[in-house]
């Protein structure tokens, strides 16, 4: 596993497991409000299963490109700046788990 992401109701953060550096950090509401009809309360009150579903939808959009070709997926530019986007798009599998 090259990258590790921690998704909470407050932040989505990612680290490079090889060198330990943080490569991604964005407020969860910034990434997921497009998936909740702009309802931040759904994110604040989300249980682990719902956060996992939102994360899977977001990763699918990053992998297969966002619904609008004229705009970027939420967090796409931050992923690109962190050097992670190409890896996410080329990965064969992604694993999600809830603690």
PDB file of N, CA and C in Angstrom:
ATOM      1  N   UNK A   1       0.857  -1.173   0.000  1.00  0.00           N
ATOM      2  CA  UNK A   1       0.000   0.000   0.000  1.00  0.00           C
ATOM      3  C   UNK A   1       0.902   1.234   0.000  1.00  0.00           C
ATOM      4  N   UNK A   2       0.770   2.047  -1.021  1.00  0.00           N
ATOM      5  CA  UNK A   2       1.634   3.225  -1.157  1.00  0.00           C
ATOM      6  C   UNK A   2       1.079   4.437  -0.414  1.00  0.00           C
ATOM      7  N   UNK A   3      -0.232   4.631  -0.469  1.00  0.00           N
ATOM      8  CA  UNK A   3      -0.847   5.789   0.171  1.00  0.00           C
ATOM      9  C   UNK A   3      -1.912   5.346   1.157  1.00  0.00           C
ATOM     10  N   UNK A   4      -2.022   6.097   2.216  1.00  0.00           N
ATOM     11  CA  UNK A   4      -3.018   5.830   3.248  1.00  0.00           C
ATOM     12  C   UNK A   4      -3.842   7.092   3.426  1.00  0.00           C
ATOM     13  N   UNK A   5      -5.158   6.957   3.392  1.00  0.00           N
ATOM     14  CA  UNK A   5      -6.051   8.094   3.586  1.00  0.00           C
ATOM     15  C   UNK A   5      -6.931   7.855   4.802  1.00  0.00           C
ATOM     16  N   UNK A   6      -7.082   8.885   5.598  1.00  0.00           N
ATOM     17  CA  UNK A   6      -7.961   8.852   6.756  1.00  0.00           C
ATOM     18  C   UNK A   6      -9.102   9.827   6.491  1.00  0.00           C
ATOM     19  N   UNK A   7     -10.313   9.317   6.517  1.00  0.00           N
ATOM     20  CA  UNK A   7     -11.498  10.131   6.255  1.00  0.00           C
ATOM     21  C   UNK A   7     -12.294  10.242   7.549  1.00  0.00           C
ATOM     22  N   UNK A   8     -12.474  11.473   8.019  1.00  0.00           N
ATOM     23  CA  UNK A   8     -13.309  11.739   9.192  1.00  0.00           C
ATOM     24  C   UNK A   8     -14.372  12.738   8.773  1.00  0.00           C
ATOM     25  N   UNK A   9     -15.275  13.060   9.668  1.00  0.00           N
ATOM     26  CA  UNK A   9     -16.309  14.038   9.329  1.00  0.00           C
ATOM     27  C   UNK A   9     -15.734  15.449   9.199  1.00  0.00           C
ATOM     28  N   UNK A  10     -14.493  15.651   9.643  1.00  0.00           N
ATOM     29  CA  UNK A  10     -13.869  16.976   9.558  1.00  0.00           C
ATOM     30  C   UNK A  10     -12.869  17.120   8.408  1.00  0.00           C
ATOM     31  N   UNK A  11     -12.018  16.116   8.218  1.00  0.00           N
ATOM     32  CA  UNK A  11     -10.926  16.197   7.243  1.00  0.00           C
ATOM     33  C   UNK A  11     -10.750  14.893   6.488  1.00  0.00           C
ATOM     34  N   UNK A  12     -10.236  15.014   5.265  1.00  0.00           N
ATOM     35  CA  UNK A  12      -9.722  13.873   4.509  1.00  0.00           C
ATOM     36  C   UNK A  12      -8.228  14.147   4.349  1.00  0.00           C
ATOM     37  N   UNK A  13      -7.424  13.255   4.912  1.00  0.00           N
ATOM     38  CA  UNK A  13      -5.971  13.438   4.872  1.00  0.00           C
ATOM     39  C   UNK A  13      -5.331  12.181   4.296  1.00  0.00           C
ATOM     40  N   UNK A  14      -4.245  12.395   3.575  1.00  0.00           N
ATOM     41  CA  UNK A  14      -3.531  11.271   2.984  1.00  0.00           C
ATOM     42  C   UNK A  14      -2.044  11.379   3.208  1.00  0.00           C
ATOM     43  N   UNK A  15      -1.395  10.210   3.370  1.00  0.00           N
ATOM     44  CA  UNK A  15       0.043  10.149   3.596  1.00  0.00           C
ATOM     45  C   UNK A  15       0.691   9.173   2.624  1.00  0.00           C
ATOM     46  N   UNK A  16       1.912   9.471   2.273  1.00  0.00           N
ATOM     47  CA  UNK A  16       2.760   8.558   1.517  1.00  0.00           C
ATOM     48  C   UNK A  16       3.365   7.611   2.544  1.00  0.00           C
ATOM     49  N   UNK A  17       3.062   6.335   2.451  1.00  0.00           N
ATOM     50  CA  UNK A  17       3.520   5.387   3.462  1.00  0.00           C
ATOM     51  C   UNK A  17       5.006   5.066   3.334  1.00  0.00           C
ATOM     52  N   UNK A  18       5.613   5.408   2.225  1.00  0.00           N
ATOM     53  CA  UNK A  18       7.035   5.120   2.060  1.00  0.00           C
ATOM     54  C   UNK A  18       7.893   6.151   2.802  1.00  0.00           C
ATOM     55  N   UNK A  19       7.560   7.437   2.624  1.00  0.00           N
ATOM     56  CA  UNK A  19       8.384   8.451   3.291  1.00  0.00           C
ATOM     57  C   UNK A  19       7.666   9.158   4.437  1.00  0.00           C
ATOM     58  N   UNK A  20       6.407   8.823   4.677  1.00  0.00           N
ATOM     59  CA  UNK A  20       5.677   9.360   5.819  1.00  0.00           C
ATOM     60  C   UNK A  20       5.165  10.783   5.663  1.00  0.00           C
ATOM     61  N   UNK A  21       5.292  11.367   4.497  1.00  0.00           N
ATOM     62  CA  UNK A  21       4.844  12.748   4.323  1.00  0.00           C
ATOM     63  C   UNK A  21       3.353  12.818   4.034  1.00  0.00           C
ATOM     64  N   UNK A  22       2.753  13.883   4.507  1.00  0.00           N
ATOM     65  CA  UNK A  22       1.344  14.121   4.212  1.00  0.00           C
ATOM     66  C   UNK A  22       1.244  14.674   2.805  1.00  0.00           C
ATOM     67  N   UNK A  23       0.393  14.065   1.979  1.00  0.00           N
ATOM     68  CA  UNK A  23       0.273  14.463   0.583  1.00  0.00           C
ATOM     69  C   UNK A  23      -1.087  15.075   0.254  1.00  0.00           C
ATOM     70  N   UNK A  24      -2.005  15.023   1.212  1.00  0.00           N
ATOM     71  CA  UNK A  24      -3.361  15.509   0.933  1.00  0.00           C
ATOM     72  C   UNK A  24      -4.038  15.884   2.235  1.00  0.00           C
ATOM     73  N   UNK A  25      -4.701  17.027   2.251  1.00  0.00           N
ATOM     74  CA  UNK A  25      -5.462  17.454   3.422  1.00  0.00           C
ATOM     75  C   UNK A  25      -6.505  18.477   2.982  1.00  0.00           C
ATOM     76  N   UNK A  26      -7.762  18.060   3.021  1.00  0.00           N
ATOM     77  CA  UNK A  26      -8.868  18.911   2.577  1.00  0.00           C
ATOM     78  C   UNK A  26     -10.044  18.683   3.526  1.00  0.00           C
ATOM     79  N   UNK A  27     -10.756  19.745   3.890  1.00  0.00           N
ATOM     80  CA  UNK A  27     -11.950  19.555   4.718  1.00  0.00           C
ATOM     81  C   UNK A  27     -12.945  18.602   4.042  1.00  0.00           C
ATOM     82  N   UNK A  28     -13.498  17.708   4.804  1.00  0.00           N
ATOM     83  CA  UNK A  28     -14.428  16.721   4.271  1.00  0.00           C
ATOM     84  C   UNK A  28     -15.613  17.382   3.572  1.00  0.00           C
ATOM     85  N   UNK A  29     -16.115  18.456   4.137  1.00  0.00           N
ATOM     86  CA  UNK A  29     -17.266  19.127   3.514  1.00  0.00           C
ATOM     87  C   UNK A  29     -16.911  19.666   2.129  1.00  0.00           C
ATOM     88  N   UNK A  30     -15.674  20.102   1.920  1.00  0.00           N
ATOM     89  CA  UNK A  30     -15.246  20.596   0.609  1.00  0.00           C
ATOM     90  C   UNK A  30     -15.341  19.487  -0.438  1.00  0.00           C
ATOM     91  N   UNK A  31     -14.987  18.272  -0.047  1.00  0.00           N
ATOM     92  CA  UNK A  31     -15.003  17.159  -1.002  1.00  0.00           C
ATOM     93  C   UNK A  31     -16.388  16.568  -1.214  1.00  0.00           C
ATOM     94  N   UNK A  32     -17.160  16.453  -0.134  1.00  0.00           N
ATOM     95  CA  UNK A  32     -18.362  15.629  -0.207  1.00  0.00           C
ATOM     96  C   UNK A  32     -19.683  16.381  -0.326  1.00  0.00           C
ATOM     97  N   UNK A  33     -19.718  17.692  -0.142  1.00  0.00           N
ATOM     98  CA  UNK A  33     -21.011  18.390  -0.279  1.00  0.00           C
ATOM     99  C   UNK A  33     -21.627  18.241  -1.674  1.00  0.00           C
ATOM    100  N   UNK A  34     -20.832  18.132  -2.756  1.00  0.00           N
ATOM    101  CA  UNK A  34     -21.475  17.895  -4.050  1.00  0.00           C
ATOM    102  C   UNK A  34     -22.245  16.570  -4.107  1.00  0.00           C
ATOM    103  N   UNK A  35     -21.908  15.634  -3.228  1.00  0.00           N
ATOM    104  CA  UNK A  35     -22.564  14.327  -3.200  1.00  0.00           C
ATOM    105  C   UNK A  35     -23.765  14.295  -2.252  1.00  0.00           C
ATOM    106  N   UNK A  36     -23.922  15.349  -1.450  1.00  0.00           N
ATOM    107  CA  UNK A  36     -25.003  15.372  -0.453  1.00  0.00           C
ATOM    108  C   UNK A  36     -26.002  16.485  -0.725  1.00  0.00           C
ATOM    109  N   UNK A  37     -26.020  16.999  -1.949  1.00  0.00           N
ATOM    110  CA  UNK A  37     -26.927  18.102  -2.264  1.00  0.00           C
ATOM    111  C   UNK A  37     -26.566  19.365  -1.492  1.00  0.00           C
ATOM    112  N   UNK A  38     -25.257  19.559  -1.271  1.00  0.00           N
ATOM    113  CA  UNK A  38     -24.738  20.714  -0.526  1.00  0.00           C
ATOM    114  C   UNK A  38     -25.238  20.774   0.906  1.00  0.00           C
ATOM    115  N   UNK A  39     -25.560  19.630   1.479  1.00  0.00           N
ATOM    116  CA  UNK A  39     -26.042  19.547   2.859  1.00  0.00           C
ATOM    117  C   UNK A  39     -24.893  19.127   3.780  1.00  0.00           C
ATOM    118  N   UNK A  40     -24.229  20.110   4.397  1.00  0.00           N
ATOM    119  CA  UNK A  40     -23.084  19.817   5.268  1.00  0.00           C
ATOM    120  C   UNK A  40     -23.484  19.016   6.503  1.00  0.00           C
ATOM    121  N   UNK A  41     -24.734  19.134   6.947  1.00  0.00           N
ATOM    122  CA  UNK A  41     -25.187  18.380   8.122  1.00  0.00           C
ATOM    123  C   UNK A  41     -25.102  16.876   7.866  1.00  0.00           C
ATOM    124  N   UNK A  42     -25.347  16.444   6.634  1.00  0.00           N
ATOM    125  CA  UNK A  42     -25.247  15.012   6.313  1.00  0.00           C
ATOM    126  C   UNK A  42     -23.824  14.506   6.510  1.00  0.00           C
ATOM    127  N   UNK A  43     -22.860  15.389   6.297  1.00  0.00           N
ATOM    128  CA  UNK A  43     -21.459  14.998   6.479  1.00  0.00           C
ATOM    129  C   UNK A  43     -21.087  15.034   7.955  1.00  0.00           C
ATOM    130  N   UNK A  44     -21.471  16.095   8.639  1.00  0.00           N
ATOM    131  CA  UNK A  44     -21.167  16.214  10.075  1.00  0.00           C
ATOM    132  C   UNK A  44     -21.742  15.052  10.874  1.00  0.00           C
ATOM    133  N   UNK A  45     -22.931  14.584  10.480  1.00  0.00           N
ATOM    134  CA  UNK A  45     -23.633  13.527  11.210  1.00  0.00           C
ATOM    135  C   UNK A  45     -23.415  12.136  10.609  1.00  0.00           C
ATOM    136  N   UNK A  46     -22.509  12.028   9.659  1.00  0.00           N
ATOM    137  CA  UNK A  46     -22.330  10.766   8.935  1.00  0.00           C
ATOM    138  C   UNK A  46     -21.741   9.676   9.822  1.00  0.00           C
ATOM    139  N   UNK A  47     -22.253   8.465   9.630  1.00  0.00           N
ATOM    140  CA  UNK A  47     -21.661   7.314  10.307  1.00  0.00           C
ATOM    141  C   UNK A  47     -20.539   6.762   9.410  1.00  0.00           C
ATOM    142  N   UNK A  48     -19.727   5.850   9.920  1.00  0.00           N
ATOM    143  CA  UNK A  48     -18.596   5.335   9.137  1.00  0.00           C
ATOM    144  C   UNK A  48     -19.011   4.723   7.793  1.00  0.00           C
ATOM    145  N   UNK A  49     -20.137   4.039   7.750  1.00  0.00           N
ATOM    146  CA  UNK A  49     -20.588   3.426   6.499  1.00  0.00           C
ATOM    147  C   UNK A  49     -20.888   4.486   5.437  1.00  0.00           C
ATOM    148  N   UNK A  50     -21.556   5.560   5.833  1.00  0.00           N
ATOM    149  CA  UNK A  50     -21.890   6.621   4.879  1.00  0.00           C
ATOM    150  C   UNK A  50     -20.617   7.324   4.411  1.00  0.00           C
ATOM    151  N   UNK A  51     -19.669   7.565   5.314  1.00  0.00           N
ATOM    152  CA  UNK A  51     -18.392   8.166   4.907  1.00  0.00           C
ATOM    153  C   UNK A  51     -17.668   7.262   3.908  1.00  0.00           C
ATOM    154  N   UNK A  52     -17.714   5.946   4.124  1.00  0.00           N
ATOM    155  CA  UNK A  52     -17.087   5.011   3.193  1.00  0.00           C
ATOM    156  C   UNK A  52     -17.758   5.085   1.826  1.00  0.00           C
ATOM    157  N   UNK A  53     -19.086   5.192   1.797  1.00  0.00           N
ATOM    158  CA  UNK A  53     -19.812   5.301   0.528  1.00  0.00           C
ATOM    159  C   UNK A  53     -19.457   6.597  -0.197  1.00  0.00           C
ATOM    160  N   UNK A  54     -19.383   7.704   0.542  1.00  0.00           N
ATOM    161  CA  UNK A  54     -18.996   8.980  -0.065  1.00  0.00           C
ATOM    162  C   UNK A  54     -17.573   8.902  -0.613  1.00  0.00           C
ATOM    163  N   UNK A  55     -16.693   8.265   0.143  1.00  0.00           N
ATOM    164  CA  UNK A  55     -15.299   8.132  -0.281  1.00  0.00           C
ATOM    165  C   UNK A  55     -15.205   7.302  -1.556  1.00  0.00           C
ATOM    166  N   UNK A  56     -15.945   6.216  -1.621  1.00  0.00           N
ATOM    167  CA  UNK A  56     -15.927   5.378  -2.823  1.00  0.00           C
ATOM    168  C   UNK A  56     -16.456   6.131  -4.037  1.00  0.00           C
ATOM    169  N   UNK A  57     -17.515   6.911  -3.859  1.00  0.00           N
ATOM    170  CA  UNK A  57     -18.059   7.702  -4.970  1.00  0.00           C
ATOM    171  C   UNK A  57     -17.039   8.733  -5.436  1.00  0.00           C
ATOM    172  N   UNK A  58     -16.378   9.381  -4.479  1.00  0.00           N
ATOM    173  CA  UNK A  58     -15.381  10.392  -4.813  1.00  0.00           C
ATOM    174  C   UNK A  58     -14.195   9.770  -5.564  1.00  0.00           C
ATOM    175  N   UNK A  59     -13.695   8.627  -5.067  1.00  0.00           N
ATOM    176  CA  UNK A  59     -12.582   7.965  -5.746  1.00  0.00           C
ATOM    177  C   UNK A  59     -12.971   7.516  -7.152  1.00  0.00           C
ATOM    178  N   UNK A  60     -14.195   7.069  -7.312  1.00  0.00           N
ATOM    179  CA  UNK A  60     -14.660   6.686  -8.648  1.00  0.00           C
ATOM    180  C   UNK A  60     -14.655   7.897  -9.576  1.00  0.00           C
ATOM    181  N   UNK A  61     -15.086   9.043  -9.076  1.00  0.00           N
ATOM    182  CA  UNK A  61     -15.071  10.251  -9.902  1.00  0.00           C
ATOM    183  C   UNK A  61     -13.653  10.698 -10.228  1.00  0.00           C
ATOM    184  N   UNK A  62     -12.739  10.552  -9.294  1.00  0.00           N
ATOM    185  CA  UNK A  62     -11.342  10.884  -9.578  1.00  0.00           C
ATOM    186  C   UNK A  62     -10.761   9.925 -10.612  1.00  0.00           C
ATOM    187  N   UNK A  63     -11.138   8.667 -10.517  1.00  0.00           N
ATOM    188  CA  UNK A  63     -10.599   7.647 -11.409  1.00  0.00           C
ATOM    189  C   UNK A  63     -11.189   7.740 -12.809  1.00  0.00           C
ATOM    190  N   UNK A  64     -12.493   7.892 -12.891  1.00  0.00           N
ATOM    191  CA  UNK A  64     -13.167   7.865 -14.191  1.00  0.00           C
ATOM    192  C   UNK A  64     -13.554   9.244 -14.681  1.00  0.00           C
ATOM    193  N   UNK A  65     -13.110  10.257 -14.003  1.00  0.00           N
ATOM    194  CA  UNK A  65     -13.333  11.656 -14.331  1.00  0.00           C
ATOM    195  C   UNK A  65     -14.719  12.140 -13.908  1.00  0.00           C
ATOM    196  N   UNK A  66     -14.723  13.314 -13.438  1.00  0.00           N
ATOM    197  CA  UNK A  66     -15.882  14.001 -12.890  1.00  0.00           C
ATOM    198  C   UNK A  66     -16.982  14.121 -13.918  1.00  0.00           C
ATOM    199  N   UNK A  67     -18.218  14.266 -13.447  1.00  0.00           N
ATOM    200  CA  UNK A  67     -19.404  14.307 -14.304  1.00  0.00           C
ATOM    201  C   UNK A  67     -19.387  15.448 -15.313  1.00  0.00           C
ATOM    202  N   UNK A  68     -18.685  16.519 -15.027  1.00  0.00           N
ATOM    203  CA  UNK A  68     -18.617  17.652 -15.946  1.00  0.00           C
ATOM    204  C   UNK A  68     -17.196  17.772 -16.469  1.00  0.00           C
ATOM    205  N   UNK A  69     -17.020  17.626 -17.733  1.00  0.00           N
ATOM    206  CA  UNK A  69     -15.681  17.707 -18.325  1.00  0.00           C
ATOM    207  C   UNK A  69     -15.096  19.116 -18.223  1.00  0.00           C
ATOM    208  N   UNK A  70     -15.946  20.120 -17.994  1.00  0.00           N
ATOM    209  CA  UNK A  70     -15.467  21.490 -17.909  1.00  0.00           C
ATOM    210  C   UNK A  70     -14.920  21.876 -16.544  1.00  0.00           C
ATOM    211  N   UNK A  71     -15.130  21.030 -15.533  1.00  0.00           N
ATOM    212  CA  UNK A  71     -14.648  21.326 -14.188  1.00  0.00           C
ATOM    213  C   UNK A  71     -13.926  20.109 -13.619  1.00  0.00           C
ATOM    214  N   UNK A  72     -13.190  20.337 -12.561  1.00  0.00           N
ATOM    215  CA  UNK A  72     -12.482  19.242 -11.886  1.00  0.00           C
ATOM    216  C   UNK A  72     -13.367  18.625 -10.817  1.00  0.00           C
ATOM    217  N   UNK A  73     -13.110  17.368 -10.514  1.00  0.00           N
ATOM    218  CA  UNK A  73     -13.782  16.711  -9.390  1.00  0.00           C
ATOM    219  C   UNK A  73     -13.343  17.389  -8.098  1.00  0.00           C
ATOM    220  N   UNK A  74     -14.158  17.342  -7.063  1.00  0.00           N
ATOM    221  CA  UNK A  74     -13.751  17.925  -5.785  1.00  0.00           C
ATOM    222  C   UNK A  74     -12.412  17.333  -5.329  1.00  0.00           C
ATOM    223  N   UNK A  75     -11.474  18.193  -4.983  1.00  0.00           N
ATOM    224  CA  UNK A  75     -10.178  17.749  -4.494  1.00  0.00           C
ATOM    225  C   UNK A  75      -9.206  17.282  -5.558  1.00  0.00           C
ATOM    226  N   UNK A  76      -9.615  17.287  -6.813  1.00  0.00           N
ATOM    227  CA  UNK A  76      -8.753  16.769  -7.881  1.00  0.00           C
ATOM    228  C   UNK A  76      -7.445  17.564  -7.988  1.00  0.00           C
ATOM    229  N   UNK A  77      -7.528  18.856  -7.936  1.00  0.00           N
ATOM    230  CA  UNK A  77      -6.311  19.680  -8.035  1.00  0.00           C
ATOM    231  C   UNK A  77      -5.400  19.462  -6.834  1.00  0.00           C
ATOM    232  N   UNK A  78      -5.989  19.301  -5.636  1.00  0.00           N
ATOM    233  CA  UNK A  78      -5.178  19.034  -4.442  1.00  0.00           C
ATOM    234  C   UNK A  78      -4.475  17.692  -4.552  1.00  0.00           C
ATOM    235  N   UNK A  79      -5.161  16.701  -5.115  1.00  0.00           N
ATOM    236  CA  UNK A  79      -4.552  15.385  -5.326  1.00  0.00           C
ATOM    237  C   UNK A  79      -3.394  15.501  -6.317  1.00  0.00           C
ATOM    238  N   UNK A  80      -3.601  16.292  -7.345  1.00  0.00           N
ATOM    239  CA  UNK A  80      -2.565  16.469  -8.351  1.00  0.00           C
ATOM    240  C   UNK A  80      -1.342  17.162  -7.747  1.00  0.00           C
ATOM    241  N   UNK A  81      -1.569  18.202  -6.941  1.00  0.00           N
ATOM    242  CA  UNK A  81      -0.460  18.907  -6.290  1.00  0.00           C
ATOM    243  C   UNK A  81       0.309  17.979  -5.354  1.00  0.00           C
ATOM    244  N   UNK A  82      -0.382  17.067  -4.710  1.00  0.00           N
ATOM    245  CA  UNK A  82       0.265  16.131  -3.795  1.00  0.00           C
ATOM    246  C   UNK A  82       0.961  14.979  -4.497  1.00  0.00           C
ATOM    247  N   UNK A  83       0.813  14.906  -5.819  1.00  0.00           N
ATOM    248  CA  UNK A  83       1.449  13.846  -6.584  1.00  0.00           C
ATOM    249  C   UNK A  83       0.744  12.511  -6.505  1.00  0.00           C
ATOM    250  N   UNK A  84      -0.516  12.518  -6.099  1.00  0.00           N
ATOM    251  CA  UNK A  84      -1.247  11.277  -5.857  1.00  0.00           C
ATOM    252  C   UNK A  84      -2.230  10.946  -6.981  1.00  0.00           C
ATOM    253  N   UNK A  85      -2.686  11.936  -7.716  1.00  0.00           N
ATOM    254  CA  UNK A  85      -3.772  11.732  -8.677  1.00  0.00           C
ATOM    255  C   UNK A  85      -3.436  10.670  -9.722  1.00  0.00           C
ATOM    256  N   UNK A  86      -2.252  10.726 -10.302  1.00  0.00           N
ATOM    257  CA  UNK A  86      -1.872   9.732 -11.308  1.00  0.00           C
ATOM    258  C   UNK A  86      -1.881   8.326 -10.750  1.00  0.00           C
ATOM    259  N   UNK A  87      -1.428   8.185  -9.508  1.00  0.00           N
ATOM    260  CA  UNK A  87      -1.414   6.867  -8.869  1.00  0.00           C
ATOM    261  C   UNK A  87      -2.838   6.366  -8.644  1.00  0.00           C
ATOM    262  N   UNK A  88      -3.719   7.237  -8.166  1.00  0.00           N
ATOM    263  CA  UNK A  88      -5.114   6.852  -7.922  1.00  0.00           C
ATOM    264  C   UNK A  88      -5.765   6.411  -9.227  1.00  0.00           C
ATOM    265  N   UNK A  89      -5.504   7.142 -10.292  1.00  0.00           N
ATOM    266  CA  UNK A  89      -6.121   6.806 -11.583  1.00  0.00           C
ATOM    267  C   UNK A  89      -5.563   5.522 -12.182  1.00  0.00           C
ATOM    268  N   UNK A  90      -4.349   5.156 -11.826  1.00  0.00           N
ATOM    269  CA  UNK A  90      -3.762   3.954 -12.414  1.00  0.00           C
ATOM    270  C   UNK A  90      -3.889   2.730 -11.512  1.00  0.00           C
ATOM    271  N   UNK A  91      -4.374   2.896 -10.299  1.00  0.00           N
ATOM    272  CA  UNK A  91      -4.464   1.777  -9.350  1.00  0.00           C
ATOM    273  C   UNK A  91      -5.500   0.761  -9.812  1.00  0.00           C
ATOM    274  N   UNK A  92      -5.172  -0.499  -9.636  1.00  0.00           N
ATOM    275  CA  UNK A  92      -6.106  -1.575  -9.978  1.00  0.00           C
ATOM    276  C   UNK A  92      -7.216  -1.688  -8.949  1.00  0.00           C
ATOM    277  N   UNK A  93      -6.878  -1.460  -7.689  1.00  0.00           N
ATOM    278  CA  UNK A  93      -7.869  -1.608  -6.630  1.00  0.00           C
ATOM    279  C   UNK A  93      -7.683  -0.529  -5.567  1.00  0.00           C
ATOM    280  N   UNK A  94      -8.754  -0.246  -4.882  1.00  0.00           N
ATOM    281  CA  UNK A  94      -8.718   0.620  -3.715  1.00  0.00           C
ATOM    282  C   UNK A  94      -9.445  -0.132  -2.615  1.00  0.00           C
ATOM    283  N   UNK A  95      -8.960   0.007  -1.412  1.00  0.00           N
ATOM    284  CA  UNK A  95      -9.557  -0.683  -0.274  1.00  0.00           C
ATOM    285  C   UNK A  95     -10.082   0.363   0.685  1.00  0.00           C
ATOM    286  N   UNK A  96     -11.341   0.188   1.106  1.00  0.00           N
ATOM    287  CA  UNK A  96     -11.898   1.061   2.123  1.00  0.00           C
ATOM    288  C   UNK A  96     -12.288   0.201   3.316  1.00  0.00           C
ATOM    289  N   UNK A  97     -12.085   0.764   4.479  1.00  0.00           N
ATOM    290  CA  UNK A  97     -12.453   0.064   5.713  1.00  0.00           C
ATOM    291  C   UNK A  97     -12.854   1.087   6.751  1.00  0.00           C
ATOM    292  N   UNK A  98     -13.710   0.698   7.647  1.00  0.00           N
ATOM    293  CA  UNK A  98     -14.156   1.569   8.730  1.00  0.00           C
ATOM    294  C   UNK A  98     -13.592   1.067  10.040  1.00  0.00           C
ATOM    295  N   UNK A  99     -13.196   2.014  10.877  1.00  0.00           N
ATOM    296  CA  UNK A  99     -12.709   1.641  12.197  1.00  0.00           C
ATOM    297  C   UNK A  99     -13.833   1.660  13.191  1.00  0.00           C
TER     298      UNK A  99
END
